[in-house]
N, C-alpha and C. Protein backbone atom coordinates (compact mmCIF):
# COMPACT_ATOMS: atom_id res chain seq x y z
N UNK A 1 -0.01 -21.73 6.67
CA UNK A 1 0.14 -21.11 5.36
C UNK A 1 1.14 -19.96 5.47
N UNK A 2 2.31 -20.13 4.86
CA UNK A 2 3.33 -19.09 4.90
C UNK A 2 3.08 -18.07 3.80
N UNK A 3 3.06 -16.81 4.18
CA UNK A 3 2.90 -15.72 3.21
C UNK A 3 4.17 -14.87 3.24
N UNK A 4 4.75 -14.69 2.07
CA UNK A 4 5.93 -13.83 1.96
C UNK A 4 5.55 -12.50 1.34
N UNK A 5 6.09 -11.44 1.91
CA UNK A 5 5.83 -10.10 1.43
C UNK A 5 6.96 -9.67 0.50
N UNK A 6 6.62 -9.30 -0.71
CA UNK A 6 7.62 -8.89 -1.70
C UNK A 6 7.71 -7.37 -1.72
N UNK A 7 8.55 -6.82 -0.84
CA UNK A 7 8.77 -5.38 -0.83
C UNK A 7 10.11 -5.07 -0.19
N UNK A 8 10.71 -3.99 -0.65
CA UNK A 8 11.92 -3.48 -0.03
C UNK A 8 11.65 -2.17 0.67
N UNK A 9 10.37 -1.81 0.79
CA UNK A 9 9.98 -0.54 1.38
C UNK A 9 9.79 -0.71 2.89
N UNK A 10 10.67 -0.11 3.71
CA UNK A 10 10.55 -0.30 5.17
C UNK A 10 9.26 0.27 5.74
N UNK A 11 8.70 1.30 5.08
CA UNK A 11 7.44 1.87 5.55
C UNK A 11 6.30 0.88 5.43
N UNK A 12 6.26 0.15 4.32
CA UNK A 12 5.22 -0.86 4.14
C UNK A 12 5.41 -2.01 5.13
N UNK A 13 6.65 -2.39 5.36
CA UNK A 13 6.93 -3.45 6.34
C UNK A 13 6.40 -3.04 7.71
N UNK A 14 6.66 -1.78 8.10
CA UNK A 14 6.20 -1.28 9.39
C UNK A 14 4.68 -1.28 9.47
N UNK A 15 4.02 -0.94 8.37
CA UNK A 15 2.56 -0.95 8.35
C UNK A 15 2.03 -2.35 8.63
N UNK A 16 2.60 -3.35 8.00
CA UNK A 16 2.13 -4.72 8.20
C UNK A 16 2.42 -5.21 9.62
N UNK A 17 3.48 -4.71 10.22
CA UNK A 17 3.80 -5.12 11.58
C UNK A 17 2.77 -4.61 12.59
N UNK A 18 2.03 -3.55 12.21
CA UNK A 18 1.01 -3.02 13.09
C UNK A 18 -0.32 -3.74 12.99
N UNK A 19 -0.43 -4.70 12.09
CA UNK A 19 -1.68 -5.41 11.88
C UNK A 19 -1.81 -6.61 12.81
N UNK A 20 -2.99 -7.19 12.83
CA UNK A 20 -3.25 -8.26 13.79
C UNK A 20 -2.32 -9.45 13.56
N UNK A 21 -1.90 -10.11 14.65
CA UNK A 21 -0.95 -11.22 14.55
C UNK A 21 -1.41 -12.36 13.65
N UNK A 22 -2.72 -12.47 13.43
CA UNK A 22 -3.22 -13.57 12.59
C UNK A 22 -2.72 -13.47 11.16
N UNK A 23 -2.36 -12.25 10.74
CA UNK A 23 -1.82 -12.09 9.38
C UNK A 23 -0.31 -11.97 9.49
N UNK A 24 0.36 -13.10 9.37
CA UNK A 24 1.82 -13.12 9.52
C UNK A 24 2.46 -13.06 8.13
N UNK A 25 3.15 -11.99 7.88
CA UNK A 25 3.85 -11.83 6.61
C UNK A 25 5.34 -11.71 6.87
N UNK A 26 6.12 -12.50 6.20
CA UNK A 26 7.57 -12.45 6.33
C UNK A 26 8.15 -11.91 5.02
N UNK A 27 9.25 -11.18 5.14
CA UNK A 27 9.90 -10.67 3.94
C UNK A 27 10.42 -11.84 3.11
N UNK A 28 10.18 -11.80 1.83
CA UNK A 28 10.64 -12.86 0.94
C UNK A 28 12.15 -13.03 1.07
N UNK A 29 12.63 -14.22 1.42
CA UNK A 29 14.06 -14.44 1.61
C UNK A 29 14.87 -14.02 0.38
N UNK A 30 15.95 -13.27 0.63
CA UNK A 30 16.82 -12.84 -0.45
C UNK A 30 16.20 -11.81 -1.37
N UNK A 31 15.14 -11.13 -0.91
CA UNK A 31 14.41 -10.20 -1.78
C UNK A 31 15.33 -9.16 -2.42
N UNK A 32 16.24 -8.60 -1.64
CA UNK A 32 17.09 -7.52 -2.14
C UNK A 32 17.96 -7.96 -3.31
N UNK A 33 18.27 -9.23 -3.39
CA UNK A 33 19.16 -9.72 -4.45
C UNK A 33 18.40 -10.25 -5.66
N UNK A 34 17.09 -10.30 -5.59
CA UNK A 34 16.30 -10.81 -6.70
C UNK A 34 16.16 -9.75 -7.80
N UNK A 35 16.04 -10.16 -9.04
CA UNK A 35 15.83 -9.19 -10.12
C UNK A 35 14.49 -8.48 -9.94
N UNK A 36 14.49 -7.18 -10.16
CA UNK A 36 13.26 -6.41 -10.00
C UNK A 36 12.43 -6.49 -11.28
N UNK A 37 11.25 -5.91 -11.23
CA UNK A 37 10.37 -5.89 -12.40
C UNK A 37 9.83 -4.48 -12.56
N UNK A 38 9.72 -4.01 -13.78
CA UNK A 38 9.17 -2.69 -14.04
C UNK A 38 7.67 -2.69 -13.79
N UNK A 39 7.20 -1.63 -13.15
CA UNK A 39 5.77 -1.49 -12.87
C UNK A 39 5.11 -0.82 -14.08
N UNK A 40 4.75 -1.63 -15.05
CA UNK A 40 4.24 -1.11 -16.32
C UNK A 40 2.71 -1.11 -16.40
N UNK A 41 2.05 -1.55 -15.34
CA UNK A 41 0.60 -1.57 -15.33
C UNK A 41 0.01 -0.18 -15.28
N UNK A 42 -1.25 -0.06 -15.68
CA UNK A 42 -1.89 1.26 -15.66
C UNK A 42 -2.90 1.40 -14.52
N UNK A 43 -2.91 0.42 -13.60
CA UNK A 43 -3.73 0.51 -12.40
C UNK A 43 -2.93 -0.06 -11.23
N UNK A 44 -3.40 0.23 -10.02
CA UNK A 44 -2.76 -0.34 -8.84
C UNK A 44 -2.84 -1.86 -8.88
N UNK A 45 -3.98 -2.40 -9.26
CA UNK A 45 -4.12 -3.85 -9.29
C UNK A 45 -3.19 -4.48 -10.31
N UNK A 46 -3.07 -3.87 -11.48
CA UNK A 46 -2.19 -4.43 -12.51
C UNK A 46 -0.75 -4.50 -12.01
N UNK A 47 -0.30 -3.45 -11.35
CA UNK A 47 1.08 -3.44 -10.84
C UNK A 47 1.27 -4.41 -9.69
N UNK A 48 0.27 -4.53 -8.82
CA UNK A 48 0.37 -5.49 -7.72
C UNK A 48 0.46 -6.91 -8.26
N UNK A 49 -0.33 -7.21 -9.29
CA UNK A 49 -0.29 -8.53 -9.90
C UNK A 49 1.06 -8.79 -10.57
N UNK A 50 1.57 -7.81 -11.27
CA UNK A 50 2.88 -7.96 -11.92
C UNK A 50 3.94 -8.34 -10.90
N UNK A 51 3.97 -7.63 -9.80
CA UNK A 51 4.99 -7.87 -8.78
C UNK A 51 4.79 -9.21 -8.08
N UNK A 52 3.54 -9.51 -7.74
CA UNK A 52 3.28 -10.78 -7.05
C UNK A 52 3.65 -11.96 -7.93
N UNK A 53 3.27 -11.91 -9.18
CA UNK A 53 3.56 -13.02 -10.10
C UNK A 53 5.07 -13.16 -10.33
N UNK A 54 5.73 -12.02 -10.49
CA UNK A 54 7.18 -12.06 -10.73
C UNK A 54 7.92 -12.69 -9.55
N UNK A 55 7.67 -12.17 -8.35
CA UNK A 55 8.44 -12.64 -7.20
C UNK A 55 8.00 -14.03 -6.73
N UNK A 56 6.79 -14.45 -7.06
CA UNK A 56 6.36 -15.79 -6.64
C UNK A 56 7.06 -16.89 -7.43
N UNK A 57 7.75 -16.50 -8.48
CA UNK A 57 8.50 -17.50 -9.26
C UNK A 57 9.79 -17.91 -8.56
N UNK A 58 10.15 -17.20 -7.48
CA UNK A 58 11.41 -17.48 -6.79
C UNK A 58 11.20 -18.27 -5.49
N UNK A 59 9.99 -18.72 -5.25
CA UNK A 59 9.70 -19.50 -4.04
C UNK A 59 8.50 -20.40 -4.31
N UNK A 60 8.43 -21.55 -3.64
CA UNK A 60 7.25 -22.40 -3.80
C UNK A 60 6.08 -21.92 -2.94
N UNK A 61 6.33 -20.93 -2.09
CA UNK A 61 5.30 -20.46 -1.17
C UNK A 61 4.50 -19.31 -1.77
N UNK A 62 3.54 -18.82 -1.00
CA UNK A 62 2.66 -17.75 -1.43
C UNK A 62 3.33 -16.40 -1.25
N UNK A 63 3.11 -15.52 -2.20
CA UNK A 63 3.73 -14.19 -2.16
C UNK A 63 2.65 -13.11 -2.26
N UNK A 64 2.78 -12.11 -1.41
CA UNK A 64 1.89 -10.95 -1.42
C UNK A 64 2.68 -9.74 -1.89
N UNK A 65 2.13 -9.01 -2.85
CA UNK A 65 2.75 -7.78 -3.33
C UNK A 65 1.74 -6.65 -3.21
N UNK A 66 2.26 -5.48 -2.91
CA UNK A 66 1.44 -4.30 -2.67
C UNK A 66 1.71 -3.24 -3.73
N UNK A 67 0.65 -2.62 -4.22
CA UNK A 67 0.81 -1.38 -4.99
C UNK A 67 -0.21 -0.40 -4.44
N UNK A 68 0.24 0.80 -4.20
CA UNK A 68 -0.62 1.74 -3.50
C UNK A 68 -0.19 3.17 -3.81
N UNK A 69 -1.07 4.10 -3.45
CA UNK A 69 -0.74 5.49 -3.70
C UNK A 69 -1.86 6.42 -3.32
N UNK A 70 -1.66 7.68 -3.66
CA UNK A 70 -2.58 8.75 -3.31
C UNK A 70 -3.27 9.27 -4.56
N UNK A 71 -4.58 9.42 -4.48
CA UNK A 71 -5.36 9.98 -5.57
C UNK A 71 -5.98 11.29 -5.09
N UNK A 72 -5.63 12.39 -5.74
CA UNK A 72 -6.08 13.71 -5.31
C UNK A 72 -7.12 14.23 -6.30
N UNK A 73 -8.27 14.60 -5.80
CA UNK A 73 -9.38 15.02 -6.66
C UNK A 73 -9.00 16.20 -7.55
N UNK A 74 -8.38 17.21 -6.95
CA UNK A 74 -8.07 18.44 -7.68
C UNK A 74 -7.00 18.23 -8.75
N UNK A 75 -6.30 17.10 -8.68
CA UNK A 75 -5.26 16.78 -9.66
C UNK A 75 -5.71 15.69 -10.62
N UNK A 76 -7.02 15.48 -10.70
CA UNK A 76 -7.54 14.48 -11.61
C UNK A 76 -7.13 13.06 -11.27
N UNK A 77 -6.89 12.78 -10.00
CA UNK A 77 -6.49 11.45 -9.56
C UNK A 77 -4.99 11.27 -9.40
N UNK A 78 -4.20 12.24 -9.83
CA UNK A 78 -2.75 12.18 -9.65
C UNK A 78 -2.42 12.36 -8.16
N UNK A 79 -1.26 11.89 -7.72
CA UNK A 79 -0.23 11.17 -8.48
C UNK A 79 -0.57 9.71 -8.82
N UNK A 80 -1.57 9.13 -8.17
CA UNK A 80 -2.02 7.80 -8.54
C UNK A 80 -0.93 6.74 -8.54
N UNK A 81 -0.85 5.98 -9.63
CA UNK A 81 0.13 4.90 -9.69
C UNK A 81 1.56 5.41 -9.75
N UNK A 82 1.73 6.72 -9.93
CA UNK A 82 3.06 7.32 -9.95
C UNK A 82 3.42 7.95 -8.61
N UNK A 83 2.69 7.62 -7.56
CA UNK A 83 2.87 8.26 -6.27
C UNK A 83 4.30 8.19 -5.75
N UNK A 84 4.93 7.04 -5.88
CA UNK A 84 6.29 6.87 -5.34
C UNK A 84 7.33 7.63 -6.12
N UNK A 85 7.02 7.99 -7.37
CA UNK A 85 7.99 8.71 -8.20
C UNK A 85 7.39 9.99 -8.77
N UNK A 86 6.49 10.59 -8.02
CA UNK A 86 5.79 11.80 -8.44
C UNK A 86 6.75 12.92 -8.80
N UNK A 87 7.80 13.09 -7.99
CA UNK A 87 8.76 14.17 -8.22
C UNK A 87 9.94 13.74 -9.09
N UNK A 88 9.93 12.51 -9.56
CA UNK A 88 10.97 12.05 -10.47
C UNK A 88 11.79 10.89 -9.98
N UNK A 89 12.26 10.94 -8.74
CA UNK A 89 13.10 9.87 -8.21
C UNK A 89 12.28 8.96 -7.31
N UNK A 90 12.30 7.68 -7.56
CA UNK A 90 11.47 6.72 -6.84
C UNK A 90 11.78 6.74 -5.34
N UNK A 91 10.73 6.88 -4.55
CA UNK A 91 10.89 6.78 -3.10
C UNK A 91 11.38 8.02 -2.40
N UNK A 92 11.45 9.17 -3.08
CA UNK A 92 11.89 10.42 -2.44
C UNK A 92 10.66 11.09 -1.82
N UNK A 93 10.34 10.68 -0.59
CA UNK A 93 9.12 11.16 0.06
C UNK A 93 9.11 12.68 0.21
N UNK A 94 10.23 13.25 0.63
CA UNK A 94 10.28 14.69 0.87
C UNK A 94 9.99 15.47 -0.42
N UNK A 95 10.61 15.04 -1.52
CA UNK A 95 10.40 15.72 -2.80
C UNK A 95 8.97 15.54 -3.28
N UNK A 96 8.42 14.35 -3.10
CA UNK A 96 7.04 14.10 -3.50
C UNK A 96 6.06 14.99 -2.74
N UNK A 97 6.29 15.12 -1.45
CA UNK A 97 5.42 15.96 -0.63
C UNK A 97 5.54 17.43 -0.99
N UNK A 98 6.75 17.88 -1.27
CA UNK A 98 6.93 19.29 -1.68
C UNK A 98 6.19 19.57 -2.98
N UNK A 99 6.30 18.64 -3.94
CA UNK A 99 5.64 18.84 -5.22
C UNK A 99 4.12 18.83 -5.05
N UNK A 100 3.63 17.95 -4.21
CA UNK A 100 2.19 17.90 -3.98
C UNK A 100 1.68 19.22 -3.41
N UNK A 101 2.38 19.76 -2.43
CA UNK A 101 1.97 21.04 -1.86
C UNK A 101 2.04 22.16 -2.89
N UNK A 102 3.05 22.12 -3.74
CA UNK A 102 3.18 23.13 -4.79
C UNK A 102 2.00 23.05 -5.77
N UNK A 103 1.64 21.85 -6.16
CA UNK A 103 0.54 21.68 -7.11
C UNK A 103 -0.80 22.13 -6.51
N UNK A 104 -0.91 22.06 -5.19
CA UNK A 104 -2.16 22.42 -4.53
C UNK A 104 -2.09 23.79 -3.85
N UNK A 105 -1.09 24.56 -4.17
CA UNK A 105 -0.84 25.82 -3.47
C UNK A 105 -2.06 26.74 -3.46
N UNK A 106 -2.77 26.82 -4.57
CA UNK A 106 -3.91 27.73 -4.68
C UNK A 106 -5.26 27.02 -4.56
N UNK A 107 -5.24 25.80 -4.09
CA UNK A 107 -6.48 25.04 -3.94
C UNK A 107 -6.99 25.20 -2.51
N UNK A 108 -8.21 25.71 -2.33
CA UNK A 108 -8.73 25.95 -0.98
C UNK A 108 -9.02 24.66 -0.23
N UNK A 109 -9.18 24.76 1.07
CA UNK A 109 -9.35 23.60 1.94
C UNK A 109 -10.49 22.70 1.50
N UNK A 110 -11.61 23.26 1.10
CA UNK A 110 -12.76 22.46 0.75
C UNK A 110 -12.64 21.69 -0.55
N UNK A 111 -11.57 21.94 -1.29
CA UNK A 111 -11.39 21.25 -2.57
C UNK A 111 -10.14 20.38 -2.59
N UNK A 112 -9.66 20.01 -1.43
CA UNK A 112 -8.42 19.23 -1.33
C UNK A 112 -8.69 17.76 -1.02
N UNK A 113 -9.86 17.27 -1.43
CA UNK A 113 -10.22 15.88 -1.18
C UNK A 113 -9.24 14.91 -1.82
N UNK A 114 -9.03 13.78 -1.16
CA UNK A 114 -8.07 12.78 -1.65
C UNK A 114 -8.43 11.42 -1.08
N UNK A 115 -7.86 10.40 -1.66
CA UNK A 115 -8.04 9.04 -1.15
C UNK A 115 -6.72 8.28 -1.25
N UNK A 116 -6.46 7.49 -0.25
CA UNK A 116 -5.35 6.54 -0.28
C UNK A 116 -5.92 5.22 -0.80
N UNK A 117 -5.22 4.59 -1.72
CA UNK A 117 -5.69 3.33 -2.32
C UNK A 117 -4.57 2.30 -2.25
N UNK A 118 -4.95 1.07 -1.93
CA UNK A 118 -3.97 -0.03 -1.88
C UNK A 118 -4.59 -1.27 -2.50
N UNK A 119 -3.81 -1.99 -3.27
CA UNK A 119 -4.22 -3.31 -3.75
C UNK A 119 -3.13 -4.31 -3.38
N UNK A 120 -3.53 -5.40 -2.76
CA UNK A 120 -2.64 -6.51 -2.45
C UNK A 120 -2.97 -7.66 -3.38
N UNK A 121 -1.96 -8.19 -4.04
CA UNK A 121 -2.14 -9.35 -4.91
C UNK A 121 -1.46 -10.55 -4.27
N UNK A 122 -2.13 -11.68 -4.31
CA UNK A 122 -1.61 -12.92 -3.75
C UNK A 122 -1.34 -13.89 -4.90
N UNK A 123 -0.10 -14.33 -5.00
CA UNK A 123 0.27 -15.20 -6.13
C UNK A 123 1.09 -16.39 -5.65
N UNK A 124 1.07 -17.41 -6.48
CA UNK A 124 1.91 -18.59 -6.24
C UNK A 124 2.37 -19.14 -7.58
N UNK A 125 3.70 -19.36 -7.68
CA UNK A 125 4.30 -19.93 -8.88
C UNK A 125 3.89 -19.19 -10.15
N UNK A 126 3.90 -17.87 -10.04
CA UNK A 126 3.68 -17.04 -11.21
C UNK A 126 2.24 -16.79 -11.58
N UNK A 127 1.30 -17.21 -10.74
CA UNK A 127 -0.12 -17.04 -11.05
C UNK A 127 -0.81 -16.31 -9.90
N UNK A 128 -1.50 -15.21 -10.20
CA UNK A 128 -2.25 -14.50 -9.18
C UNK A 128 -3.50 -15.29 -8.82
N UNK A 129 -3.71 -15.49 -7.53
CA UNK A 129 -4.88 -16.22 -7.04
C UNK A 129 -6.03 -15.27 -6.70
N UNK A 130 -5.69 -14.08 -6.20
CA UNK A 130 -6.73 -13.11 -5.82
C UNK A 130 -6.06 -11.76 -5.58
N UNK A 131 -6.88 -10.72 -5.60
CA UNK A 131 -6.41 -9.37 -5.32
C UNK A 131 -7.42 -8.71 -4.38
N UNK A 132 -6.92 -7.86 -3.50
CA UNK A 132 -7.73 -7.26 -2.45
C UNK A 132 -7.46 -5.77 -2.39
N UNK A 133 -8.53 -4.96 -2.42
CA UNK A 133 -8.38 -3.52 -2.47
C UNK A 133 -8.81 -2.88 -1.16
N UNK A 134 -8.12 -1.80 -0.80
CA UNK A 134 -8.49 -1.00 0.36
C UNK A 134 -8.43 0.46 -0.01
N UNK A 135 -9.36 1.24 0.53
CA UNK A 135 -9.42 2.67 0.21
C UNK A 135 -9.83 3.44 1.46
N UNK A 136 -9.22 4.59 1.65
CA UNK A 136 -9.60 5.45 2.77
C UNK A 136 -9.70 6.88 2.25
N UNK A 137 -10.78 7.55 2.64
CA UNK A 137 -11.04 8.91 2.17
C UNK A 137 -10.43 9.93 3.13
N UNK A 138 -10.07 11.08 2.56
CA UNK A 138 -9.51 12.13 3.38
C UNK A 138 -9.27 13.39 2.57
N UNK A 139 -8.27 14.13 2.97
CA UNK A 139 -7.93 15.37 2.27
C UNK A 139 -6.45 15.65 2.47
N UNK A 140 -5.93 16.56 1.63
CA UNK A 140 -4.52 16.92 1.70
C UNK A 140 -4.37 18.16 2.59
N UNK A 141 -3.59 18.03 3.63
CA UNK A 141 -3.34 19.15 4.54
C UNK A 141 -2.51 20.23 3.86
N UNK A 142 -2.53 21.43 4.40
CA UNK A 142 -1.75 22.53 3.84
C UNK A 142 -0.32 22.53 4.34
N UNK A 143 -0.04 21.73 5.38
CA UNK A 143 1.32 21.62 5.92
C UNK A 143 1.45 20.26 6.60
N UNK A 144 2.66 19.71 6.66
CA UNK A 144 2.84 18.40 7.29
C UNK A 144 2.38 18.40 8.75
N UNK A 145 1.89 17.24 9.19
CA UNK A 145 1.42 17.10 10.56
C UNK A 145 1.74 15.69 11.03
N UNK A 146 2.40 15.57 12.18
CA UNK A 146 2.72 14.26 12.73
C UNK A 146 4.09 13.77 12.32
N UNK A 147 4.55 12.74 13.01
CA UNK A 147 5.90 12.21 12.78
C UNK A 147 5.91 10.72 12.46
N UNK A 148 4.75 10.09 12.36
CA UNK A 148 4.69 8.66 12.09
C UNK A 148 4.55 8.42 10.58
N UNK A 149 4.62 7.14 10.21
CA UNK A 149 4.34 6.77 8.83
C UNK A 149 5.42 7.12 7.83
N UNK A 150 5.01 7.14 6.56
CA UNK A 150 5.94 7.41 5.47
C UNK A 150 5.14 7.91 4.28
N UNK A 151 5.82 8.16 3.17
CA UNK A 151 5.13 8.60 1.97
C UNK A 151 4.40 9.92 2.18
N UNK A 152 3.12 9.92 1.82
CA UNK A 152 2.31 11.14 1.93
C UNK A 152 1.60 11.23 3.28
N UNK A 153 1.90 10.34 4.20
CA UNK A 153 1.21 10.34 5.50
C UNK A 153 1.22 11.70 6.20
N UNK A 154 2.34 12.45 6.18
CA UNK A 154 2.33 13.75 6.87
C UNK A 154 1.34 14.76 6.28
N UNK A 155 0.90 14.54 5.05
CA UNK A 155 -0.01 15.48 4.40
C UNK A 155 -1.43 14.93 4.25
N UNK A 156 -1.67 13.71 4.70
CA UNK A 156 -2.99 13.11 4.50
C UNK A 156 -3.80 13.15 5.78
N UNK A 157 -4.94 13.84 5.72
CA UNK A 157 -5.87 13.88 6.84
C UNK A 157 -6.91 12.79 6.62
N UNK A 158 -6.98 11.86 7.57
CA UNK A 158 -7.92 10.74 7.48
C UNK A 158 -9.25 11.16 8.08
N UNK A 159 -10.27 11.23 7.26
CA UNK A 159 -11.57 11.70 7.71
C UNK A 159 -12.14 10.84 8.82
N UNK A 160 -12.09 9.53 8.65
CA UNK A 160 -12.67 8.63 9.64
C UNK A 160 -11.96 8.70 10.97
N UNK A 161 -10.64 8.81 10.94
CA UNK A 161 -9.87 8.88 12.19
C UNK A 161 -9.94 10.27 12.81
N UNK A 162 -10.21 11.29 11.99
CA UNK A 162 -10.24 12.66 12.49
C UNK A 162 -8.87 13.19 12.82
N UNK A 163 -7.84 12.58 12.23
CA UNK A 163 -6.45 12.98 12.50
C UNK A 163 -5.63 12.78 11.24
N UNK A 164 -4.44 13.38 11.24
CA UNK A 164 -3.52 13.15 10.15
C UNK A 164 -2.99 11.73 10.22
N UNK A 165 -2.73 11.11 9.07
CA UNK A 165 -2.26 9.73 9.06
C UNK A 165 -0.93 9.60 9.81
N UNK A 166 -0.09 10.61 9.74
CA UNK A 166 1.20 10.56 10.42
C UNK A 166 1.09 10.83 11.92
N UNK A 167 -0.13 11.08 12.40
CA UNK A 167 -0.36 11.24 13.83
C UNK A 167 -0.80 9.93 14.48
N UNK A 168 -0.97 8.89 13.68
CA UNK A 168 -1.43 7.60 14.18
C UNK A 168 -0.26 6.64 14.38
N UNK A 169 -0.30 5.88 15.47
CA UNK A 169 0.74 4.86 15.64
C UNK A 169 0.42 3.68 14.73
N UNK A 170 1.29 2.68 14.71
CA UNK A 170 1.15 1.59 13.75
C UNK A 170 -0.16 0.83 13.90
N UNK A 171 -0.59 0.59 15.12
CA UNK A 171 -1.82 -0.16 15.35
C UNK A 171 -3.03 0.68 14.93
N UNK A 172 -3.03 1.97 15.28
CA UNK A 172 -4.13 2.85 14.87
C UNK A 172 -4.19 2.99 13.35
N UNK A 173 -3.02 3.14 12.76
CA UNK A 173 -2.97 3.29 11.31
C UNK A 173 -3.54 2.05 10.62
N UNK A 174 -3.20 0.87 11.12
CA UNK A 174 -3.70 -0.36 10.51
C UNK A 174 -5.23 -0.41 10.56
N UNK A 175 -5.82 0.18 11.59
CA UNK A 175 -7.27 0.18 11.73
C UNK A 175 -7.94 1.02 10.64
N UNK A 176 -7.34 2.14 10.29
CA UNK A 176 -7.98 3.08 9.38
C UNK A 176 -7.43 3.07 7.95
N UNK A 177 -6.22 2.62 7.76
CA UNK A 177 -5.54 2.84 6.49
C UNK A 177 -6.02 1.96 5.35
N UNK A 178 -5.71 2.39 4.16
CA UNK A 178 -5.98 1.63 2.95
C UNK A 178 -5.29 0.28 2.97
N UNK A 179 -4.06 0.25 3.46
CA UNK A 179 -3.31 -1.01 3.51
C UNK A 179 -3.91 -1.95 4.55
N UNK A 180 -4.33 -1.40 5.66
CA UNK A 180 -4.97 -2.21 6.69
C UNK A 180 -6.26 -2.83 6.19
N UNK A 181 -7.03 -2.07 5.42
CA UNK A 181 -8.31 -2.58 4.89
C UNK A 181 -8.07 -3.69 3.87
N UNK A 182 -7.09 -3.48 3.00
CA UNK A 182 -6.77 -4.52 2.02
C UNK A 182 -6.27 -5.78 2.72
N UNK A 183 -5.48 -5.61 3.77
CA UNK A 183 -4.94 -6.77 4.49
C UNK A 183 -6.05 -7.53 5.20
N UNK A 184 -7.02 -6.83 5.74
CA UNK A 184 -8.14 -7.53 6.40
C UNK A 184 -8.97 -8.31 5.38
N UNK A 185 -9.11 -7.76 4.18
CA UNK A 185 -9.82 -8.50 3.13
C UNK A 185 -9.05 -9.76 2.75
N UNK A 186 -7.73 -9.67 2.69
CA UNK A 186 -6.89 -10.84 2.41
C UNK A 186 -7.04 -11.88 3.51
N UNK A 187 -7.00 -11.43 4.76
CA UNK A 187 -7.12 -12.35 5.88
C UNK A 187 -8.48 -13.05 5.88
N UNK A 188 -9.53 -12.30 5.56
CA UNK A 188 -10.86 -12.90 5.51
C UNK A 188 -10.94 -13.95 4.41
N UNK A 189 -10.29 -13.70 3.30
CA UNK A 189 -10.26 -14.66 2.21
C UNK A 189 -9.57 -15.96 2.64
N UNK A 190 -8.44 -15.79 3.35
CA UNK A 190 -7.71 -16.96 3.82
C UNK A 190 -8.56 -17.76 4.81
N UNK A 191 -9.25 -17.05 5.69
CA UNK A 191 -10.06 -17.72 6.71
C UNK A 191 -11.29 -18.41 6.13
N UNK A 192 -11.66 -18.06 4.91
CA UNK A 192 -12.87 -18.62 4.31
C UNK A 192 -12.69 -20.06 3.85
N UNK A 193 -11.42 -20.53 3.79
CA UNK A 193 -11.20 -21.90 3.34
C UNK A 193 -11.58 -22.89 4.44
N UNK A 194 -12.12 -24.06 4.06
CA UNK A 194 -12.59 -25.02 5.07
C UNK A 194 -11.53 -25.47 6.05
N UNK A 195 -10.28 -25.53 5.60
CA UNK A 195 -9.20 -26.00 6.47
C UNK A 195 -8.12 -24.92 6.51
N UNK A 196 -8.22 -23.99 7.47
CA UNK A 196 -7.32 -22.85 7.52
C UNK A 196 -5.83 -23.20 7.55
N UNK A 197 -5.52 -24.40 8.05
CA UNK A 197 -4.10 -24.78 8.13
C UNK A 197 -3.54 -25.13 6.76
N UNK A 198 -4.41 -25.37 5.80
CA UNK A 198 -3.98 -25.74 4.46
C UNK A 198 -4.17 -24.56 3.51
N UNK A 199 -3.30 -24.43 2.53
CA UNK A 199 -3.47 -23.35 1.56
C UNK A 199 -4.66 -23.59 0.66
N UNK A 200 -5.22 -22.52 0.08
CA UNK A 200 -6.30 -22.68 -0.88
C UNK A 200 -5.83 -23.53 -2.06
N UNK A 201 -6.74 -24.10 -2.81
CA UNK A 201 -6.34 -24.93 -3.95
C UNK A 201 -5.58 -24.14 -4.98
N UNK A 202 -4.65 -24.83 -5.67
CA UNK A 202 -3.81 -24.17 -6.65
C UNK A 202 -4.59 -23.93 -7.94
């Protein structure tokens, strides 16, 4: 069963490379030249489905799309689905992190709770077959820590790991992260079919 990943984000690609070999995801051929789609959904799942359905129309194979972000308690769940463009320009990690620290400047350590959320949608020929969610609890650090990862990783302290997300290597991150949890749910779904070598019914 070939699964194509519909993303141009190198950070997400690196995250998937740290996951178990049983989940083989290849970048959708010609992805960079395909027409993009606006993320108009009001939830992570809605946006993941939009992207998966859109890009699955360009291949007969299965397509996985990811939508994910950071939800901060003290900000009422923001930046949420706007995580990648929190500071205005899509994908400007440095600006997003600066704005996050500014918004939390007067928030004490005990009130900086946050969660990373990821939804993976699996689609074929324009129809979503299933969606898988992953969530990891933590808090927002007062200053960047670590050199790994991307996005808000330098500011996210993972409670379960007891370390900053950017202090974890790719394999460690896959074990604890929201994306890793969603991917394991996807893999379990695939393995649940009677004949793993064959795709689930259309």
